[in-house]
Amino acid sequence: MSKYEKLWKYIQKDGKLDITLSFVEIKKILGFDIDHSFLTYKKELLNFGYCIVKISLKEKKILFRKTEK
């Protein structure tokens, strides 16, 4: 199990077309801060029907979007 799987399942369960989560919200879901390894693990999200559209370091938010299957 990936260290980010809890986040991927949360996003998949939400089911909305676009989901924006702040770094604080993500920490609450995961129990830890995201780090540089997030960039490596983010490709796993495709298996859950979503992709990452934008990572805003300035706003400390990430935009996730449902992929077409």
N, C-alpha and C. Protein backbone atom coordinates (compact mmCIF):
# COMPACT_ATOMS: atom_id res chain seq x y z
N MET A 1 0.84 -1.19 0.00
CA MET A 1 0.00 0.00 0.00
C MET A 1 0.89 1.25 0.00
N SER A 2 0.57 2.17 -0.87
CA SER A 2 1.28 3.44 -0.97
C SER A 2 0.98 4.32 0.23
N LYS A 3 1.94 5.16 0.59
CA LYS A 3 1.71 6.06 1.72
C LYS A 3 0.63 7.10 1.41
N TYR A 4 0.29 7.27 0.14
CA TYR A 4 -0.74 8.23 -0.25
C TYR A 4 -2.07 7.57 -0.60
N GLU A 5 -2.18 6.27 -0.43
CA GLU A 5 -3.40 5.57 -0.82
C GLU A 5 -4.63 6.08 -0.08
N LYS A 6 -4.48 6.46 1.16
CA LYS A 6 -5.61 7.00 1.93
C LYS A 6 -6.16 8.26 1.25
N LEU A 7 -5.29 9.10 0.74
CA LEU A 7 -5.70 10.31 0.02
C LEU A 7 -6.37 9.95 -1.29
N TRP A 8 -5.80 9.00 -2.03
CA TRP A 8 -6.39 8.60 -3.32
C TRP A 8 -7.80 8.05 -3.12
N LYS A 9 -7.98 7.25 -2.09
CA LYS A 9 -9.31 6.68 -1.81
C LYS A 9 -10.30 7.76 -1.39
N TYR A 10 -9.82 8.75 -0.63
CA TYR A 10 -10.67 9.87 -0.22
C TYR A 10 -11.17 10.62 -1.45
N ILE A 11 -10.28 10.90 -2.39
CA ILE A 11 -10.64 11.63 -3.61
C ILE A 11 -11.60 10.81 -4.45
N GLN A 12 -11.32 9.54 -4.60
CA GLN A 12 -12.18 8.66 -5.38
C GLN A 12 -13.58 8.59 -4.78
N LYS A 13 -13.66 8.49 -3.47
CA LYS A 13 -14.95 8.40 -2.78
C LYS A 13 -15.75 9.69 -2.95
N ASP A 14 -15.06 10.84 -2.96
CA ASP A 14 -15.73 12.13 -3.14
C ASP A 14 -16.49 12.14 -4.46
N GLY A 15 -15.83 11.73 -5.54
CA GLY A 15 -16.49 11.54 -6.82
C GLY A 15 -16.77 12.76 -7.67
N LYS A 16 -16.46 13.95 -7.18
CA LYS A 16 -16.71 15.17 -7.96
C LYS A 16 -15.77 15.23 -9.16
N LEU A 17 -16.16 16.02 -10.17
CA LEU A 17 -15.31 16.20 -11.35
C LEU A 17 -14.00 16.88 -10.97
N ASP A 18 -14.07 17.98 -10.24
CA ASP A 18 -12.89 18.71 -9.77
C ASP A 18 -12.92 18.77 -8.25
N ILE A 19 -11.78 18.51 -7.66
CA ILE A 19 -11.63 18.57 -6.20
C ILE A 19 -10.39 19.38 -5.89
N THR A 20 -10.54 20.42 -5.10
CA THR A 20 -9.41 21.21 -4.66
C THR A 20 -9.23 20.99 -3.16
N LEU A 21 -8.02 20.59 -2.79
CA LEU A 21 -7.71 20.37 -1.38
C LEU A 21 -6.49 21.20 -1.01
N SER A 22 -6.55 21.80 0.15
CA SER A 22 -5.40 22.55 0.65
C SER A 22 -4.39 21.58 1.25
N PHE A 23 -3.17 22.03 1.42
CA PHE A 23 -2.15 21.19 2.05
C PHE A 23 -2.57 20.81 3.47
N VAL A 24 -3.28 21.72 4.15
CA VAL A 24 -3.77 21.44 5.51
C VAL A 24 -4.81 20.33 5.49
N GLU A 25 -5.74 20.40 4.54
CA GLU A 25 -6.76 19.35 4.42
C GLU A 25 -6.12 18.00 4.11
N ILE A 26 -5.13 18.01 3.23
CA ILE A 26 -4.43 16.77 2.88
C ILE A 26 -3.72 16.20 4.09
N LYS A 27 -3.13 17.06 4.90
CA LYS A 27 -2.46 16.59 6.12
C LYS A 27 -3.47 15.94 7.07
N LYS A 28 -4.67 16.52 7.17
CA LYS A 28 -5.70 15.94 8.03
C LYS A 28 -6.12 14.55 7.54
N ILE A 29 -6.18 14.38 6.23
CA ILE A 29 -6.57 13.09 5.65
C ILE A 29 -5.47 12.05 5.86
N LEU A 30 -4.23 12.45 5.60
CA LEU A 30 -3.10 11.51 5.64
C LEU A 30 -2.50 11.32 7.03
N GLY A 31 -2.52 12.39 7.81
CA GLY A 31 -1.85 12.35 9.10
C GLY A 31 -0.41 12.81 9.04
N PHE A 32 0.01 13.28 7.86
CA PHE A 32 1.37 13.81 7.70
C PHE A 32 1.38 14.81 6.54
N ASP A 33 2.39 15.67 6.51
CA ASP A 33 2.55 16.63 5.43
C ASP A 33 3.01 15.93 4.15
N ILE A 34 2.54 16.43 3.00
CA ILE A 34 3.09 15.92 1.75
C ILE A 34 4.51 16.43 1.60
N ASP A 35 5.32 15.66 0.90
CA ASP A 35 6.71 16.05 0.68
C ASP A 35 7.06 15.85 -0.79
N HIS A 36 8.33 15.99 -1.13
CA HIS A 36 8.75 15.88 -2.53
C HIS A 36 8.41 14.52 -3.15
N SER A 37 8.28 13.48 -2.34
CA SER A 37 7.94 12.15 -2.88
C SER A 37 6.54 12.13 -3.48
N PHE A 38 5.71 13.10 -3.12
CA PHE A 38 4.36 13.20 -3.67
C PHE A 38 4.40 13.23 -5.20
N LEU A 39 5.41 13.89 -5.75
CA LEU A 39 5.53 14.00 -7.20
C LEU A 39 5.75 12.63 -7.84
N THR A 40 6.41 11.73 -7.13
CA THR A 40 6.61 10.37 -7.63
C THR A 40 5.34 9.55 -7.51
N TYR A 41 4.67 9.67 -6.38
CA TYR A 41 3.48 8.86 -6.10
C TYR A 41 2.23 9.33 -6.83
N LYS A 42 2.22 10.57 -7.31
CA LYS A 42 0.99 11.12 -7.89
C LYS A 42 0.47 10.33 -9.08
N LYS A 43 1.34 9.62 -9.78
CA LYS A 43 0.88 8.83 -10.93
C LYS A 43 -0.03 7.67 -10.50
N GLU A 44 0.05 7.26 -9.24
CA GLU A 44 -0.83 6.20 -8.73
C GLU A 44 -2.30 6.64 -8.76
N LEU A 45 -2.53 7.92 -8.68
CA LEU A 45 -3.89 8.46 -8.64
C LEU A 45 -4.69 8.09 -9.89
N LEU A 46 -4.01 7.88 -11.01
CA LEU A 46 -4.69 7.48 -12.24
C LEU A 46 -5.46 6.17 -12.05
N ASN A 47 -4.94 5.29 -11.21
CA ASN A 47 -5.62 4.02 -10.93
C ASN A 47 -6.93 4.22 -10.18
N PHE A 48 -7.12 5.41 -9.60
CA PHE A 48 -8.32 5.72 -8.85
C PHE A 48 -9.25 6.65 -9.64
N GLY A 49 -8.92 6.88 -10.92
CA GLY A 49 -9.80 7.64 -11.80
C GLY A 49 -9.60 9.14 -11.76
N TYR A 50 -8.49 9.60 -11.23
CA TYR A 50 -8.22 11.04 -11.14
C TYR A 50 -6.78 11.35 -11.56
N CYS A 51 -6.55 12.62 -11.84
CA CYS A 51 -5.20 13.11 -12.11
C CYS A 51 -5.03 14.46 -11.40
N ILE A 52 -3.81 14.90 -11.33
CA ILE A 52 -3.52 16.20 -10.73
C ILE A 52 -3.39 17.23 -11.84
N VAL A 53 -4.19 18.26 -11.76
CA VAL A 53 -4.20 19.32 -12.77
C VAL A 53 -3.22 20.43 -12.40
N LYS A 54 -3.21 20.80 -11.11
CA LYS A 54 -2.38 21.93 -10.70
C LYS A 54 -1.97 21.77 -9.24
N ILE A 55 -0.69 22.03 -9.01
CA ILE A 55 -0.16 22.13 -7.64
C ILE A 55 0.27 23.57 -7.46
N SER A 56 -0.40 24.29 -6.56
CA SER A 56 -0.07 25.68 -6.31
C SER A 56 0.69 25.79 -4.99
N LEU A 57 1.98 26.03 -5.08
CA LEU A 57 2.78 26.21 -3.88
C LEU A 57 2.45 27.54 -3.21
N LYS A 58 2.10 28.54 -4.01
CA LYS A 58 1.75 29.85 -3.47
C LYS A 58 0.47 29.77 -2.63
N GLU A 59 -0.57 29.13 -3.18
CA GLU A 59 -1.84 29.02 -2.47
C GLU A 59 -1.89 27.79 -1.56
N LYS A 60 -0.91 26.90 -1.69
CA LYS A 60 -0.84 25.66 -0.91
C LYS A 60 -2.10 24.83 -1.11
N LYS A 61 -2.42 24.62 -2.40
CA LYS A 61 -3.59 23.84 -2.78
C LYS A 61 -3.24 22.95 -3.97
N ILE A 62 -4.01 21.86 -4.11
CA ILE A 62 -3.85 20.96 -5.24
C ILE A 62 -5.22 20.74 -5.87
N LEU A 63 -5.27 20.85 -7.19
CA LEU A 63 -6.49 20.61 -7.95
C LEU A 63 -6.42 19.22 -8.58
N PHE A 64 -7.41 18.40 -8.25
CA PHE A 64 -7.52 17.05 -8.78
C PHE A 64 -8.71 17.03 -9.75
N ARG A 65 -8.60 16.26 -10.83
CA ARG A 65 -9.70 16.17 -11.80
C ARG A 65 -9.95 14.71 -12.17
N LYS A 66 -11.23 14.39 -12.27
CA LYS A 66 -11.65 13.04 -12.67
C LYS A 66 -11.23 12.81 -14.12
N THR A 67 -10.67 11.65 -14.39
CA THR A 67 -10.27 11.31 -15.75
C THR A 67 -11.39 10.57 -16.44
N GLU A 68 -11.36 10.59 -17.75
CA GLU A 68 -12.37 9.85 -18.52
C GLU A 68 -11.90 8.43 -18.70
N LYS A 69 -12.79 7.50 -18.42
CA LYS A 69 -12.44 6.08 -18.59
C LYS A 69 -13.44 5.41 -19.48
